[in-house]
C-alpha atoms as a PDB file:
ATOM      1  CA  UNK A   1      52.589 -11.723  87.031  1.00  0.00           C
ATOM      2  CA  UNK A   2      51.154  -7.994  88.337  1.00  0.00           C
ATOM      3  CA  UNK A   3      54.056  -6.446  88.831  1.00  0.00           C
ATOM      4  CA  UNK A   4      55.190  -7.035  85.315  1.00  0.00           C
ATOM      5  CA  UNK A   5      51.992  -5.773  83.731  1.00  0.00           C
ATOM      6  CA  UNK A   6      52.010  -2.544  85.750  1.00  0.00           C
ATOM      7  CA  UNK A   7      55.854  -1.455  84.711  1.00  0.00           C
ATOM      8  CA  UNK A   8      54.510  -2.409  81.308  1.00  0.00           C
ATOM      9  CA  UNK A   9      51.698  -0.388  81.228  1.00  0.00           C
ATOM     10  CA  UNK A  10      54.147   2.607  83.124  1.00  0.00           C
ATOM     11  CA  UNK A  11      56.571   1.944  80.143  1.00  0.00           C
ATOM     12  CA  UNK A  12      53.831   2.771  77.590  1.00  0.00           C
ATOM     13  CA  UNK A  13      52.534   5.460  79.367  1.00  0.00           C
ATOM     14  CA  UNK A  14      55.702   7.242  78.997  1.00  0.00           C
ATOM     15  CA  UNK A  15      55.922   6.211  75.279  1.00  0.00           C
ATOM     16  CA  UNK A  16      52.266   8.088  74.821  1.00  0.00           C
ATOM     17  CA  UNK A  17      53.687  11.206  77.182  1.00  0.00           C
ATOM     18  CA  UNK A  18      56.567  11.696  74.796  1.00  0.00           C
ATOM     19  CA  UNK A  19      53.862  11.900  71.945  1.00  0.00           C
ATOM     20  CA  UNK A  20      51.898  14.290  73.673  1.00  0.00           C
ATOM     21  CA  UNK A  21      54.387  16.704  74.763  1.00  0.00           C
ATOM     22  CA  UNK A  22      55.771  16.970  71.618  1.00  0.00           C
ATOM     23  CA  UNK A  23      51.730  17.924  70.313  1.00  0.00           C
ATOM     24  CA  UNK A  24      52.011  20.121  73.225  1.00  0.00           C
ATOM     25  CA  UNK A  25      55.055  21.848  72.766  1.00  0.00           C
ATOM     26  CA  UNK A  26      53.683  22.497  69.028  1.00  0.00           C
ATOM     27  CA  UNK A  27      51.164  24.764  70.734  1.00  0.00           C
ATOM     28  CA  UNK A  28      52.843  25.871  73.574  1.00  0.00           C
ATOM     29  CA  UNK A  29      55.745  27.531  72.004  1.00  0.00           C
ATOM     30  CA  UNK A  30      53.675  29.122  69.425  1.00  0.00           C
ATOM     31  CA  UNK A  31      51.791  30.693  72.105  1.00  0.00           C
ATOM     32  CA  UNK A  32      54.222  32.149  74.550  1.00  0.00           C
ATOM     33  CA  UNK A  33      56.218  33.793  71.882  1.00  0.00           C
ATOM     34  CA  UNK A  34      52.612  34.904  70.646  1.00  0.00           C
ATOM     35  CA  UNK A  35      52.143  36.522  73.995  1.00  0.00           C
ATOM     36  CA  UNK A  36      56.184  37.931  74.501  1.00  0.00           C
ATOM     37  CA  UNK A  37      55.801  40.034  71.457  1.00  0.00           C
ATOM     38  CA  UNK A  38      52.788  41.243  70.889  1.00  0.00           C
ATOM     39  CA  UNK A  39      51.601  40.905  74.809  1.00  0.00           C
ATOM     40  CA  UNK A  40      48.085  39.597  74.121  1.00  0.00           C
ATOM     41  CA  UNK A  41      46.840  36.482  76.110  1.00  0.00           C
ATOM     42  CA  UNK A  42      45.254  35.432  72.883  1.00  0.00           C
ATOM     43  CA  UNK A  43      42.655  32.734  74.458  1.00  0.00           C
ATOM     44  CA  UNK A  44      41.628  32.323  70.609  1.00  0.00           C
ATOM     45  CA  UNK A  45      44.365  29.797  70.037  1.00  0.00           C
ATOM     46  CA  UNK A  46      42.115  26.609  70.381  1.00  0.00           C
ATOM     47  CA  UNK A  47      39.636  28.314  68.244  1.00  0.00           C
ATOM     48  CA  UNK A  48      42.854  29.354  65.880  1.00  0.00           C
ATOM     49  CA  UNK A  49      43.779  24.909  66.165  1.00  0.00           C
ATOM     50  CA  UNK A  50      40.155  23.510  65.805  1.00  0.00           C
ATOM     51  CA  UNK A  51      39.687  25.975  62.695  1.00  0.00           C
ATOM     52  CA  UNK A  52      43.015  24.587  60.945  1.00  0.00           C
ATOM     53  CA  UNK A  53      42.808  21.061  62.029  1.00  0.00           C
ATOM     54  CA  UNK A  54      39.225  20.928  60.351  1.00  0.00           C
ATOM     55  CA  UNK A  55      40.632  22.428  57.053  1.00  0.00           C
ATOM     56  CA  UNK A  56      43.465  19.773  56.968  1.00  0.00           C
ATOM     57  CA  UNK A  57      40.036  17.274  57.663  1.00  0.00           C
ATOM     58  CA  UNK A  58      37.634  19.135  54.141  1.00  0.00           C
ATOM     59  CA  UNK A  59      41.154  18.800  51.672  1.00  0.00           C
ATOM     60  CA  UNK A  60      41.737  15.700  53.329  1.00  0.00           C
ATOM     61  CA  UNK A  61      38.281  13.807  52.835  1.00  0.00           C
ATOM     62  CA  UNK A  62      38.415  15.835  49.263  1.00  0.00           C
ATOM     63  CA  UNK A  63      41.166  12.635  48.406  1.00  0.00           C
ATOM     64  CA  UNK A  64      44.346  14.594  49.636  1.00  0.00           C
ATOM     65  CA  UNK A  65      47.188  13.015  50.968  1.00  0.00           C
ATOM     66  CA  UNK A  66      46.692  13.907  55.019  1.00  0.00           C
ATOM     67  CA  UNK A  67      50.257  15.146  55.059  1.00  0.00           C
ATOM     68  CA  UNK A  68      49.750  17.668  52.932  1.00  0.00           C
ATOM     69  CA  UNK A  69      46.548  18.871  53.559  1.00  0.00           C
ATOM     70  CA  UNK A  70      48.160  19.895  57.310  1.00  0.00           C
ATOM     71  CA  UNK A  71      50.271  22.823  55.036  1.00  0.00           C
ATOM     72  CA  UNK A  72      47.208  24.002  54.453  1.00  0.00           C
ATOM     73  CA  UNK A  73      46.298  23.602  58.599  1.00  0.00           C
ATOM     74  CA  UNK A  74      49.742  25.620  58.806  1.00  0.00           C
ATOM     75  CA  UNK A  75      48.271  28.422  56.090  1.00  0.00           C
ATOM     76  CA  UNK A  76      44.904  28.609  57.802  1.00  0.00           C
ATOM     77  CA  UNK A  77      46.333  29.000  61.108  1.00  0.00           C
ATOM     78  CA  UNK A  78      49.074  31.539  59.930  1.00  0.00           C
ATOM     79  CA  UNK A  79      46.603  34.122  57.663  1.00  0.00           C
ATOM     80  CA  UNK A  80      43.405  33.355  60.339  1.00  0.00           C
ATOM     81  CA  UNK A  81      45.521  34.673  63.353  1.00  0.00           C
ATOM     82  CA  UNK A  82      47.449  38.228  61.560  1.00  0.00           C
ATOM     83  CA  UNK A  83      43.413  38.309  60.522  1.00  0.00           C
ATOM     84  CA  UNK A  84      42.510  38.399  64.511  1.00  0.00           C
ATOM     85  CA  UNK A  85      45.267  40.439  65.059  1.00  0.00           C
ATOM     86  CA  UNK A  86      45.089  43.313  62.074  1.00  0.00           C
ATOM     87  CA  UNK A  87      40.474  43.498  62.644  1.00  0.00           C
ATOM     88  CA  UNK A  88      40.113  42.503  66.057  1.00  0.00           C
ATOM     89  CA  UNK A  89      42.968  43.051  68.853  1.00  0.00           C
ATOM     90  CA  UNK A  90      45.086  45.485  67.319  1.00  0.00           C
ATOM     91  CA  UNK A  91      41.872  48.401  67.651  1.00  0.00           C
ATOM     92  CA  UNK A  92      41.021  47.616  70.780  1.00  0.00           C
ATOM     93  CA  UNK A  93      44.905  48.265  71.740  1.00  0.00           C
ATOM     94  CA  UNK A  94      44.623  51.025  69.457  1.00  0.00           C
ATOM     95  CA  UNK A  95      41.848  52.977  71.994  1.00  0.00           C
ATOM     96  CA  UNK A  96      44.086  51.998  75.385  1.00  0.00           C
ATOM     97  CA  UNK A  97      42.089  48.717  75.856  1.00  0.00           C
ATOM     98  CA  UNK A  98      43.304  47.160  78.998  1.00  0.00           C
ATOM     99  CA  UNK A  99      44.900  43.856  79.278  1.00  0.00           C
ATOM    100  CA  UNK A 100      42.162  41.852  80.794  1.00  0.00           C
ATOM    101  CA  UNK A 101      39.366  43.763  78.935  1.00  0.00           C
ATOM    102  CA  UNK A 102      41.609  41.941  75.777  1.00  0.00           C
ATOM    103  CA  UNK A 103      41.757  38.527  77.558  1.00  0.00           C
ATOM    104  CA  UNK A 104      38.033  38.749  77.805  1.00  0.00           C
ATOM    105  CA  UNK A 105      37.905  39.919  73.757  1.00  0.00           C
ATOM    106  CA  UNK A 106      39.812  37.172  72.895  1.00  0.00           C
ATOM    107  CA  UNK A 107      37.714  34.781  74.720  1.00  0.00           C
ATOM    108  CA  UNK A 108      34.546  36.200  73.116  1.00  0.00           C
ATOM    109  CA  UNK A 109      36.929  35.108  69.792  1.00  0.00           C
ATOM    110  CA  UNK A 110      37.108  31.629  71.096  1.00  0.00           C
ATOM    111  CA  UNK A 111      32.975  31.338  71.337  1.00  0.00           C
ATOM    112  CA  UNK A 112      33.174  32.555  67.885  1.00  0.00           C
ATOM    113  CA  UNK A 113      35.210  30.061  66.677  1.00  0.00           C
ATOM    114  CA  UNK A 114      34.345  27.051  68.523  1.00  0.00           C
ATOM    115  CA  UNK A 115      30.760  27.671  68.137  1.00  0.00           C
ATOM    116  CA  UNK A 116      30.759  28.770  64.772  1.00  0.00           C
ATOM    117  CA  UNK A 117      32.754  26.183  63.512  1.00  0.00           C
ATOM    118  CA  UNK A 118      30.127  23.747  65.223  1.00  0.00           C
ATOM    119  CA  UNK A 119      27.165  25.136  63.924  1.00  0.00           C
ATOM    120  CA  UNK A 120      29.166  24.672  60.063  1.00  0.00           C
ATOM    121  CA  UNK A 121      30.460  21.442  60.561  1.00  0.00           C
ATOM    122  CA  UNK A 122      28.146  19.435  63.098  1.00  0.00           C
ATOM    123  CA  UNK A 123      28.220  18.334  66.543  1.00  0.00           C
ATOM    124  CA  UNK A 124      29.719  15.018  65.803  1.00  0.00           C
ATOM    125  CA  UNK A 125      33.604  13.698  65.975  1.00  0.00           C
ATOM    126  CA  UNK A 126      35.341  12.886  62.619  1.00  0.00           C
ATOM    127  CA  UNK A 127      39.182  11.599  62.314  1.00  0.00           C
ATOM    128  CA  UNK A 128      41.438  12.049  58.923  1.00  0.00           C
ATOM    129  CA  UNK A 129      41.567   9.273  56.485  1.00  0.00           C
ATOM    130  CA  UNK A 130      45.359   7.966  57.008  1.00  0.00           C
ATOM    131  CA  UNK A 131      46.736   5.002  58.479  1.00  0.00           C
ATOM    132  CA  UNK A 132      49.009   5.207  61.484  1.00  0.00           C
ATOM    133  CA  UNK A 133      51.413   2.700  60.165  1.00  0.00           C
ATOM    134  CA  UNK A 134      52.977  -0.247  61.553  1.00  0.00           C
ATOM    135  CA  UNK A 135      54.123  -0.189  64.810  1.00  0.00           C
ATOM    136  CA  UNK A 136      57.873   0.445  65.998  1.00  0.00           C
ATOM    137  CA  UNK A 137      59.513  -1.170  69.393  1.00  0.00           C
ATOM    138  CA  UNK A 138      61.827   0.925  71.209  1.00  0.00           C
ATOM    139  CA  UNK A 139      62.899  -1.147  74.319  1.00  0.00           C
ATOM    140  CA  UNK A 140      59.824  -1.512  76.126  1.00  0.00           C
ATOM    141  CA  UNK A 141      57.781   1.188  74.485  1.00  0.00           C
ATOM    142  CA  UNK A 142      55.199   0.389  71.250  1.00  0.00           C
ATOM    143  CA  UNK A 143      54.971   3.396  68.678  1.00  0.00           C
ATOM    144  CA  UNK A 144      53.452   3.912  65.615  1.00  0.00           C
ATOM    145  CA  UNK A 145      54.893   5.010  62.361  1.00  0.00           C
ATOM    146  CA  UNK A 146      52.613   8.280  62.448  1.00  0.00           C
ATOM    147  CA  UNK A 147      53.306   9.126  66.687  1.00  0.00           C
ATOM    148  CA  UNK A 148      57.190   9.104  65.610  1.00  0.00           C
ATOM    149  CA  UNK A 149      57.060  10.941  62.485  1.00  0.00           C
ATOM    150  CA  UNK A 150      55.021  13.607  65.509  1.00  0.00           C
ATOM    151  CA  UNK A 151      57.549  13.378  67.591  1.00  0.00           C
ATOM    152  CA  UNK A 152      60.202  14.044  64.779  1.00  0.00           C
ATOM    153  CA  UNK A 153      57.895  16.518  63.716  1.00  0.00           C
ATOM    154  CA  UNK A 154      58.102  18.598  67.272  1.00  0.00           C
ATOM    155  CA  UNK A 155      61.644  17.907  67.369  1.00  0.00           C
ATOM    156  CA  UNK A 156      62.386  19.660  64.032  1.00  0.00           C
ATOM    157  CA  UNK A 157      59.937  22.624  64.501  1.00  0.00           C
ATOM    158  CA  UNK A 158      62.083  23.337  68.031  1.00  0.00           C
ATOM    159  CA  UNK A 159      64.697  23.280  65.988  1.00  0.00           C
ATOM    160  CA  UNK A 160      64.066  25.791  63.675  1.00  0.00           C
ATOM    161  CA  UNK A 161      62.340  27.973  66.339  1.00  0.00           C
ATOM    162  CA  UNK A 162      65.821  27.874  68.216  1.00  0.00           C
ATOM    163  CA  UNK A 163      67.630  29.428  65.195  1.00  0.00           C
ATOM    164  CA  UNK A 164      65.026  31.774  64.558  1.00  0.00           C
ATOM    165  CA  UNK A 165      65.254  33.026  67.874  1.00  0.00           C
ATOM    166  CA  UNK A 166      68.889  32.739  67.908  1.00  0.00           C
ATOM    167  CA  UNK A 167      70.276  32.974  65.186  1.00  0.00           C
ATOM    168  CA  UNK A 168      68.378  35.454  62.809  1.00  0.00           C
ATOM    169  CA  UNK A 169      67.520  39.372  62.505  1.00  0.00           C
ATOM    170  CA  UNK A 170      63.938  38.500  62.562  1.00  0.00           C
ATOM    171  CA  UNK A 171      64.648  36.675  66.258  1.00  0.00           C
ATOM    172  CA  UNK A 172      66.734  39.192  67.297  1.00  0.00           C
ATOM    173  CA  UNK A 173      64.081  41.945  66.480  1.00  0.00           C
ATOM    174  CA  UNK A 174      61.209  39.481  67.970  1.00  0.00           C
ATOM    175  CA  UNK A 175      63.642  39.486  71.392  1.00  0.00           C
ATOM    176  CA  UNK A 176      63.866  43.359  71.796  1.00  0.00           C
ATOM    177  CA  UNK A 177      60.711  43.898  71.132  1.00  0.00           C
ATOM    178  CA  UNK A 178      59.443  41.264  73.570  1.00  0.00           C
ATOM    179  CA  UNK A 179      61.816  42.934  76.045  1.00  0.00           C
ATOM    180  CA  UNK A 180      60.856  46.888  75.639  1.00  0.00           C
ATOM    181  CA  UNK A 181      58.823  47.845  72.619  1.00  0.00           C
ATOM    182  CA  UNK A 182      59.229  51.399  72.624  1.00  0.00           C
ATOM    183  CA  UNK A 183      62.678  51.459  73.354  1.00  0.00           C
ATOM    184  CA  UNK A 184      63.536  49.099  70.250  1.00  0.00           C
ATOM    185  CA  UNK A 185      61.034  51.057  68.459  1.00  0.00           C
ATOM    186  CA  UNK A 186      63.700  54.284  69.085  1.00  0.00           C
ATOM    187  CA  UNK A 187      66.440  52.019  68.078  1.00  0.00           C
ATOM    188  CA  UNK A 188      65.413  51.682  64.658  1.00  0.00           C
ATOM    189  CA  UNK A 189      63.374  48.404  64.575  1.00  0.00           C
ATOM    190  CA  UNK A 190      59.936  48.421  63.103  1.00  0.00           C
ATOM    191  CA  UNK A 191      58.245  46.877  65.930  1.00  0.00           C
ATOM    192  CA  UNK A 192      54.787  46.938  63.892  1.00  0.00           C
ATOM    193  CA  UNK A 193      56.067  44.967  61.338  1.00  0.00           C
ATOM    194  CA  UNK A 194      58.369  42.398  63.428  1.00  0.00           C
ATOM    195  CA  UNK A 195      54.725  42.083  65.334  1.00  0.00           C
ATOM    196  CA  UNK A 196      52.847  41.304  61.768  1.00  0.00           C
ATOM    197  CA  UNK A 197      55.692  38.504  61.264  1.00  0.00           C
ATOM    198  CA  UNK A 198      55.060  37.125  65.097  1.00  0.00           C
ATOM    199  CA  UNK A 199      51.359  36.232  64.368  1.00  0.00           C
ATOM    200  CA  UNK A 200      51.643  35.058  60.894  1.00  0.00           C
ATOM    201  CA  UNK A 201      54.778  32.911  62.191  1.00  0.00           C
ATOM    202  CA  UNK A 202      53.279  31.722  65.761  1.00  0.00           C
ATOM    203  CA  UNK A 203      49.718  31.703  63.866  1.00  0.00           C
ATOM    204  CA  UNK A 204      51.600  28.522  61.521  1.00  0.00           C
ATOM    205  CA  UNK A 205      52.704  26.645  64.589  1.00  0.00           C
ATOM    206  CA  UNK A 206      48.846  27.172  65.821  1.00  0.00           C
ATOM    207  CA  UNK A 207      47.896  25.774  62.261  1.00  0.00           C
ATOM    208  CA  UNK A 208      50.086  22.982  62.410  1.00  0.00           C
ATOM    209  CA  UNK A 209      49.641  22.534  66.632  1.00  0.00           C
ATOM    210  CA  UNK A 210      45.384  21.873  65.696  1.00  0.00           C
ATOM    211  CA  UNK A 211      46.533  19.419  62.219  1.00  0.00           C
ATOM    212  CA  UNK A 212      49.010  17.208  64.690  1.00  0.00           C
ATOM    213  CA  UNK A 213      46.960  17.285  67.936  1.00  0.00           C
ATOM    214  CA  UNK A 214      44.088  15.793  65.624  1.00  0.00           C
ATOM    215  CA  UNK A 215      46.282  13.260  63.965  1.00  0.00           C
ATOM    216  CA  UNK A 216      46.865  12.320  67.461  1.00  0.00           C
ATOM    217  CA  UNK A 217      43.829  12.162  68.986  1.00  0.00           C
ATOM    218  CA  UNK A 218      42.422  10.021  65.863  1.00  0.00           C
ATOM    219  CA  UNK A 219      38.543  11.860  66.502  1.00  0.00           C
ATOM    220  CA  UNK A 220      38.196  15.348  66.918  1.00  0.00           C
ATOM    221  CA  UNK A 221      35.495  17.771  67.336  1.00  0.00           C
ATOM    222  CA  UNK A 222      34.576  21.428  67.451  1.00  0.00           C
ATOM    223  CA  UNK A 223      35.275  21.811  71.386  1.00  0.00           C
ATOM    224  CA  UNK A 224      37.859  19.093  71.139  1.00  0.00           C
ATOM    225  CA  UNK A 225      40.243  21.821  72.490  1.00  0.00           C
ATOM    226  CA  UNK A 226      39.091  23.354  75.049  1.00  0.00           C
ATOM    227  CA  UNK A 227      40.914  21.366  77.661  1.00  0.00           C
ATOM    228  CA  UNK A 228      43.925  21.149  75.206  1.00  0.00           C
ATOM    229  CA  UNK A 229      44.384  25.069  76.021  1.00  0.00           C
ATOM    230  CA  UNK A 230      44.408  24.486  79.615  1.00  0.00           C
ATOM    231  CA  UNK A 231      47.045  22.077  78.712  1.00  0.00           C
ATOM    232  CA  UNK A 232      48.995  25.024  76.796  1.00  0.00           C
ATOM    233  CA  UNK A 233      48.427  27.473  79.291  1.00  0.00           C
ATOM    234  CA  UNK A 234      49.462  25.141  82.475  1.00  0.00           C
ATOM    235  CA  UNK A 235      52.289  24.081  80.052  1.00  0.00           C
ATOM    236  CA  UNK A 236      53.451  28.188  79.060  1.00  0.00           C
ATOM    237  CA  UNK A 237      53.133  28.991  83.089  1.00  0.00           C
ATOM    238  CA  UNK A 238      54.732  25.872  84.413  1.00  0.00           C
ATOM    239  CA  UNK A 239      58.105  26.945  81.874  1.00  0.00           C
ATOM    240  CA  UNK A 240      57.762  30.637  82.704  1.00  0.00           C
ATOM    241  CA  UNK A 241      55.633  32.834  80.274  1.00  0.00           C
ATOM    242  CA  UNK A 242      56.793  34.303  76.845  1.00  0.00           C
ATOM    243  CA  UNK A 243      59.672  32.068  77.536  1.00  0.00           C
ATOM    244  CA  UNK A 244      59.851  29.400  74.182  1.00  0.00           C
ATOM    245  CA  UNK A 245      62.700  27.731  75.689  1.00  0.00           C
ATOM    246  CA  UNK A 246      60.640  27.354  79.288  1.00  0.00           C
ATOM    247  CA  UNK A 247      57.340  26.581  77.368  1.00  0.00           C
ATOM    248  CA  UNK A 248      59.265  23.511  75.342  1.00  0.00           C
ATOM    249  CA  UNK A 249      60.289  22.231  78.715  1.00  0.00           C
ATOM    250  CA  UNK A 250      56.500  22.283  80.406  1.00  0.00           C
ATOM    251  CA  UNK A 251      55.197  20.632  77.492  1.00  0.00           C
ATOM    252  CA  UNK A 252      57.788  17.863  78.066  1.00  0.00           C
ATOM    253  CA  UNK A 253      56.716  17.718  82.125  1.00  0.00           C
ATOM    254  CA  UNK A 254      52.935  17.670  81.276  1.00  0.00           C
ATOM    255  CA  UNK A 255      52.712  15.891  78.591  1.00  0.00           C
ATOM    256  CA  UNK A 256      54.819  12.986  80.701  1.00  0.00           C
ATOM    257  CA  UNK A 257      53.116  13.697  83.630  1.00  0.00           C
ATOM    258  CA  UNK A 258      49.043  13.521  81.918  1.00  0.00           C
ATOM    259  CA  UNK A 259      50.090  10.532  80.090  1.00  0.00           C
ATOM    260  CA  UNK A 260      52.185   8.689  82.959  1.00  0.00           C
ATOM    261  CA  UNK A 261      49.520   9.443  85.785  1.00  0.00           C
ATOM    262  CA  UNK A 262      46.963   7.662  83.559  1.00  0.00           C
ATOM    263  CA  UNK A 263      48.450   4.603  84.154  1.00  0.00           C
ATOM    264  CA  UNK A 264      48.324   4.930  88.026  1.00  0.00           C
ATOM    265  CA  UNK A 265      44.975   6.744  88.763  1.00  0.00           C
ATOM    266  CA  UNK A 266      41.703   7.042  86.509  1.00  0.00           C
ATOM    267  CA  UNK A 267      42.392   8.244  83.085  1.00  0.00           C
ATOM    268  CA  UNK A 268      39.714  10.851  83.071  1.00  0.00           C
ATOM    269  CA  UNK A 269      41.308  12.703  86.020  1.00  0.00           C
ATOM    270  CA  UNK A 270      44.913  12.445  83.833  1.00  0.00           C
ATOM    271  CA  UNK A 271      44.072  16.316  82.990  1.00  0.00           C
ATOM    272  CA  UNK A 272      43.984  17.588  86.386  1.00  0.00           C
ATOM    273  CA  UNK A 273      47.497  16.493  87.037  1.00  0.00           C
ATOM    274  CA  UNK A 274      49.083  19.327  85.098  1.00  0.00           C
ATOM    275  CA  UNK A 275      47.467  21.343  87.131  1.00  0.00           C
ATOM    276  CA  UNK A 276      48.499  19.903  90.925  1.00  0.00           C
ATOM    277  CA  UNK A 277      51.969  20.374  88.911  1.00  0.00           C
ATOM    278  CA  UNK A 278      51.645  24.068  88.191  1.00  0.00           C
ATOM    279  CA  UNK A 279      49.838  25.402  91.248  1.00  0.00           C
ATOM    280  CA  UNK A 280      53.231  23.367  93.152  1.00  0.00           C
ATOM    281  CA  UNK A 281      55.321  25.006  90.914  1.00  0.00           C
ATOM    282  CA  UNK A 282      54.153  28.066  91.444  1.00  0.00           C
ATOM    283  CA  UNK A 283      53.872  28.251  95.203  1.00  0.00           C
ATOM    284  CA  UNK A 284      57.744  27.519  94.656  1.00  0.00           C
ATOM    285  CA  UNK A 285      58.949  29.598  91.828  1.00  0.00           C
ATOM    286  CA  UNK A 286      55.811  31.970  90.444  1.00  0.00           C
ATOM    287  CA  UNK A 287      58.094  33.138  87.590  1.00  0.00           C
ATOM    288  CA  UNK A 288      57.800  29.303  86.396  1.00  0.00           C
ATOM    289  CA  UNK A 289      60.780  27.294  85.520  1.00  0.00           C
ATOM    290  CA  UNK A 290      62.881  29.846  83.401  1.00  0.00           C
ATOM    291  CA  UNK A 291      60.367  33.342  83.827  1.00  0.00           C
ATOM    292  CA  UNK A 292      63.330  35.767  85.667  1.00  0.00           C
ATOM    293  CA  UNK A 293      63.147  36.115  89.068  1.00  0.00           C
ATOM    294  CA  UNK A 294      62.152  39.225  90.390  1.00  0.00           C
END
């Protein structure tokens, strides 16, 4: 009997892992694209996520359906990211600020966004007014309709990101800018416009990730994305920094590993597993799963 219970818990954790990976992929792909094209390790990403989640919350509790409110979170994420680049990051870069100093600047913006949100929204956790829907059984895995929607939404977004990168002029310009911005500029690519557009696109992904993270979590607060940002970094560096497909793969590995490990060990330690995997991977392949060999 105990073996059957353990097996059931294990299979159930796989389903939860897929949902966690779907949400993590939305965030990790936006983060790694942002880093690849703009060369800014934007640690304020988690702060933008939580502000976007609260934007959706404000509309939702004003009577707006949550899936419509998610659109607001996407817009807020896009324009807040553009604001950070225009007002904060670009002026520092023009002064020749080093990469490590830019990380410190982005960390400072994280603190401003997170604790500014906490000062306005309060320290207590909140939740969206929504139903999780019926439970759907897929073999031995049981997921709610909302969880299935999150998975489907992530798959659609990943397909759109693939189409953008591979089959559009903007995607080619983004890849060229990420590879060598000076050479791309000399070849006639308007790199400044590409960078601006990238901030908007990745900011939109950040806003969407913030809302889906809040939906999947059930309850959230101003500091809820602190640990989640660490998981984003683990997924990004596991797949290879600047590699969108690597971020997708890294998110799948981290999402499954954290949830499956929670069924085996104490659940409060599940996030530690992400770093154990990352450290083991970096010891074997420092550039990540899909990173270029040196």
